[in-house]
């Protein structure tokens, strides 16, 4: 499994970004897909994840109502729509894939999101 994340960048407070993560390998439909972030001098933490069928999603409290995770199983891609961005959202965002059978978690390379005026 390989994961390639796109869409990071510099955005002003209150702005929006959409991250994408392309999954290469077998059985995208058998993986829980997630997004983690690691801000400056902070621990890496879960932002959101989504079940293989897309029916169950989980969000960190800090992003609930502002971020939306979704997936397109036909395109082997997971998305993170980020709205009303705040300076506290500045971090490197990582895409993950966790096999529901193996329990193994794969990590992408990360994409930088900077929220600043």
C-alpha atoms as a PDB file:
ATOM      1  CA  UNK A   1       0.000   0.000   0.000  1.00  0.00           C
ATOM      2  CA  UNK A   2       1.202   3.474  -0.889  1.00  0.00           C
ATOM      3  CA  UNK A   3      -0.521   6.721  -0.014  1.00  0.00           C
ATOM      4  CA  UNK A   4       0.015  10.049  -1.767  1.00  0.00           C
ATOM      5  CA  UNK A   5      -1.506  13.177  -0.260  1.00  0.00           C
ATOM      6  CA  UNK A   6      -2.172  16.408  -2.137  1.00  0.00           C
ATOM      7  CA  UNK A   7      -3.723  19.774  -1.535  1.00  0.00           C
ATOM      8  CA  UNK A   8      -1.827  21.403   1.286  1.00  0.00           C
ATOM      9  CA  UNK A   9      -0.748  24.996   1.158  1.00  0.00           C
ATOM     10  CA  UNK A  10      -1.001  28.445   2.660  1.00  0.00           C
ATOM     11  CA  UNK A  11      -4.454  29.824   3.404  1.00  0.00           C
ATOM     12  CA  UNK A  12      -5.784  32.799   5.335  1.00  0.00           C
ATOM     13  CA  UNK A  13      -7.814  32.356   8.516  1.00  0.00           C
ATOM     14  CA  UNK A  14     -11.404  31.573   7.636  1.00  0.00           C
ATOM     15  CA  UNK A  15     -10.403  30.028   4.332  1.00  0.00           C
ATOM     16  CA  UNK A  16     -10.789  26.501   2.986  1.00  0.00           C
ATOM     17  CA  UNK A  17      -8.622  23.742   1.622  1.00  0.00           C
ATOM     18  CA  UNK A  18      -9.364  20.304   0.282  1.00  0.00           C
ATOM     19  CA  UNK A  19      -6.851  17.539   0.842  1.00  0.00           C
ATOM     20  CA  UNK A  20      -6.838  14.409  -1.286  1.00  0.00           C
ATOM     21  CA  UNK A  21      -5.084  11.120  -0.721  1.00  0.00           C
ATOM     22  CA  UNK A  22      -4.647   8.523  -3.427  1.00  0.00           C
ATOM     23  CA  UNK A  23      -4.350   4.890  -2.375  1.00  0.00           C
ATOM     24  CA  UNK A  24      -2.197   2.529  -4.440  1.00  0.00           C
ATOM     25  CA  UNK A  25      -2.432  -1.167  -3.744  1.00  0.00           C
ATOM     26  CA  UNK A  26      -5.087  -3.762  -3.263  1.00  0.00           C
ATOM     27  CA  UNK A  27      -8.398  -3.638  -1.485  1.00  0.00           C
ATOM     28  CA  UNK A  28      -8.990   0.045  -0.843  1.00  0.00           C
ATOM     29  CA  UNK A  29     -12.502  -1.003   0.135  1.00  0.00           C
ATOM     30  CA  UNK A  30     -11.076  -3.037   3.037  1.00  0.00           C
ATOM     31  CA  UNK A  31      -9.317  -0.139   4.701  1.00  0.00           C
ATOM     32  CA  UNK A  32     -10.420   2.452   7.203  1.00  0.00           C
ATOM     33  CA  UNK A  33      -9.006   5.708   5.865  1.00  0.00           C
ATOM     34  CA  UNK A  34      -7.912   8.463   8.171  1.00  0.00           C
ATOM     35  CA  UNK A  35      -6.286  11.855   8.454  1.00  0.00           C
ATOM     36  CA  UNK A  36      -3.872  12.767  11.231  1.00  0.00           C
ATOM     37  CA  UNK A  37      -2.122  16.034  11.894  1.00  0.00           C
ATOM     38  CA  UNK A  38       1.000  17.100  13.729  1.00  0.00           C
ATOM     39  CA  UNK A  39       1.396  20.752  14.577  1.00  0.00           C
ATOM     40  CA  UNK A  40       4.567  22.499  15.680  1.00  0.00           C
ATOM     41  CA  UNK A  41       5.804  20.953  18.917  1.00  0.00           C
ATOM     42  CA  UNK A  42       2.665  18.841  19.195  1.00  0.00           C
ATOM     43  CA  UNK A  43       1.899  15.151  19.195  1.00  0.00           C
ATOM     44  CA  UNK A  44       0.436  13.559  16.108  1.00  0.00           C
ATOM     45  CA  UNK A  45      -3.324  13.223  16.536  1.00  0.00           C
ATOM     46  CA  UNK A  46      -6.331  11.916  14.708  1.00  0.00           C
ATOM     47  CA  UNK A  47      -8.330  14.481  12.747  1.00  0.00           C
ATOM     48  CA  UNK A  48     -10.940  12.234  11.150  1.00  0.00           C
ATOM     49  CA  UNK A  49     -11.477   8.760   9.816  1.00  0.00           C
ATOM     50  CA  UNK A  50     -14.017   6.979   7.659  1.00  0.00           C
ATOM     51  CA  UNK A  51     -15.123   3.375   7.446  1.00  0.00           C
ATOM     52  CA  UNK A  52     -14.606   1.282   4.309  1.00  0.00           C
ATOM     53  CA  UNK A  53     -18.151   1.846   3.097  1.00  0.00           C
ATOM     54  CA  UNK A  54     -18.147   5.493   4.088  1.00  0.00           C
ATOM     55  CA  UNK A  55     -21.089   5.207   6.440  1.00  0.00           C
ATOM     56  CA  UNK A  56     -19.212   5.774   9.680  1.00  0.00           C
ATOM     57  CA  UNK A  57     -17.061   8.830  10.259  1.00  0.00           C
ATOM     58  CA  UNK A  58     -15.265  10.117  13.325  1.00  0.00           C
ATOM     59  CA  UNK A  59     -13.913  13.586  13.990  1.00  0.00           C
ATOM     60  CA  UNK A  60     -11.682  15.180  16.554  1.00  0.00           C
ATOM     61  CA  UNK A  61     -13.673  17.611  18.662  1.00  0.00           C
ATOM     62  CA  UNK A  62     -11.567  20.540  17.467  1.00  0.00           C
ATOM     63  CA  UNK A  63     -12.610  20.083  13.832  1.00  0.00           C
ATOM     64  CA  UNK A  64     -16.176  18.830  14.175  1.00  0.00           C
ATOM     65  CA  UNK A  65     -18.509  20.979  12.117  1.00  0.00           C
ATOM     66  CA  UNK A  66     -15.660  22.508  10.099  1.00  0.00           C
ATOM     67  CA  UNK A  67     -13.994  19.516   8.444  1.00  0.00           C
ATOM     68  CA  UNK A  68     -15.601  16.781   6.362  1.00  0.00           C
ATOM     69  CA  UNK A  69     -13.982  13.462   5.483  1.00  0.00           C
ATOM     70  CA  UNK A  70     -15.236  11.503   2.485  1.00  0.00           C
ATOM     71  CA  UNK A  71     -14.067   8.777   0.145  1.00  0.00           C
ATOM     72  CA  UNK A  72     -14.593   7.696  -3.422  1.00  0.00           C
ATOM     73  CA  UNK A  73     -14.084   3.945  -3.575  1.00  0.00           C
ATOM     74  CA  UNK A  74     -14.187   3.980  -7.364  1.00  0.00           C
ATOM     75  CA  UNK A  75     -11.171   6.307  -7.405  1.00  0.00           C
ATOM     76  CA  UNK A  76      -9.314   4.839  -4.407  1.00  0.00           C
ATOM     77  CA  UNK A  77      -9.227   8.321  -2.928  1.00  0.00           C
ATOM     78  CA  UNK A  78     -10.066   9.866   0.422  1.00  0.00           C
ATOM     79  CA  UNK A  79     -10.686  13.576   0.926  1.00  0.00           C
ATOM     80  CA  UNK A  80     -10.608  16.052   3.762  1.00  0.00           C
ATOM     81  CA  UNK A  81     -12.568  19.241   3.172  1.00  0.00           C
ATOM     82  CA  UNK A  82     -11.380  21.853   5.642  1.00  0.00           C
ATOM     83  CA  UNK A  83     -13.480  24.983   6.131  1.00  0.00           C
ATOM     84  CA  UNK A  84     -13.243  27.920   8.518  1.00  0.00           C
ATOM     85  CA  UNK A  85      -9.566  27.240   8.969  1.00  0.00           C
ATOM     86  CA  UNK A  86      -7.853  28.650  12.028  1.00  0.00           C
ATOM     87  CA  UNK A  87      -4.214  29.235  12.863  1.00  0.00           C
ATOM     88  CA  UNK A  88      -4.457  26.293  15.260  1.00  0.00           C
ATOM     89  CA  UNK A  89      -5.060  24.023  12.234  1.00  0.00           C
ATOM     90  CA  UNK A  90      -1.528  24.680  10.998  1.00  0.00           C
ATOM     91  CA  UNK A  91       0.134  21.276  10.819  1.00  0.00           C
ATOM     92  CA  UNK A  92       1.436  18.545   8.607  1.00  0.00           C
ATOM     93  CA  UNK A  93      -1.512  16.370   7.618  1.00  0.00           C
ATOM     94  CA  UNK A  94      -0.997  12.657   7.069  1.00  0.00           C
ATOM     95  CA  UNK A  95      -3.228  10.200   5.312  1.00  0.00           C
ATOM     96  CA  UNK A  96      -3.534   6.699   6.773  1.00  0.00           C
ATOM     97  CA  UNK A  97      -4.999   3.387   5.717  1.00  0.00           C
ATOM     98  CA  UNK A  98      -5.789   0.686   8.284  1.00  0.00           C
ATOM     99  CA  UNK A  99      -6.627  -2.787   7.061  1.00  0.00           C
ATOM    100  CA  UNK A 100      -9.769  -4.121   8.688  1.00  0.00           C
ATOM    101  CA  UNK A 101      -8.445  -7.684   8.534  1.00  0.00           C
ATOM    102  CA  UNK A 102      -4.757  -7.156   9.295  1.00  0.00           C
ATOM    103  CA  UNK A 103      -5.052  -4.157  11.574  1.00  0.00           C
ATOM    104  CA  UNK A 104      -1.914  -2.824   9.922  1.00  0.00           C
ATOM    105  CA  UNK A 105      -1.731   0.932   9.413  1.00  0.00           C
ATOM    106  CA  UNK A 106       0.014   2.549   6.476  1.00  0.00           C
ATOM    107  CA  UNK A 107       1.072   6.207   6.448  1.00  0.00           C
ATOM    108  CA  UNK A 108       1.457   8.696   3.636  1.00  0.00           C
ATOM    109  CA  UNK A 109       4.204  11.285   3.432  1.00  0.00           C
ATOM    110  CA  UNK A 110       2.256  14.237   4.790  1.00  0.00           C
ATOM    111  CA  UNK A 111       1.227  17.561   3.326  1.00  0.00           C
ATOM    112  CA  UNK A 112       1.780  20.919   5.016  1.00  0.00           C
ATOM    113  CA  UNK A 113      -1.183  23.151   5.803  1.00  0.00           C
ATOM    114  CA  UNK A 114      -0.372  26.659   7.014  1.00  0.00           C
ATOM    115  CA  UNK A 115      -3.107  29.027   8.154  1.00  0.00           C
ATOM    116  CA  UNK A 116      -1.795  32.556   8.378  1.00  0.00           C
ATOM    117  CA  UNK A 117      -2.637  36.066   7.348  1.00  0.00           C
END
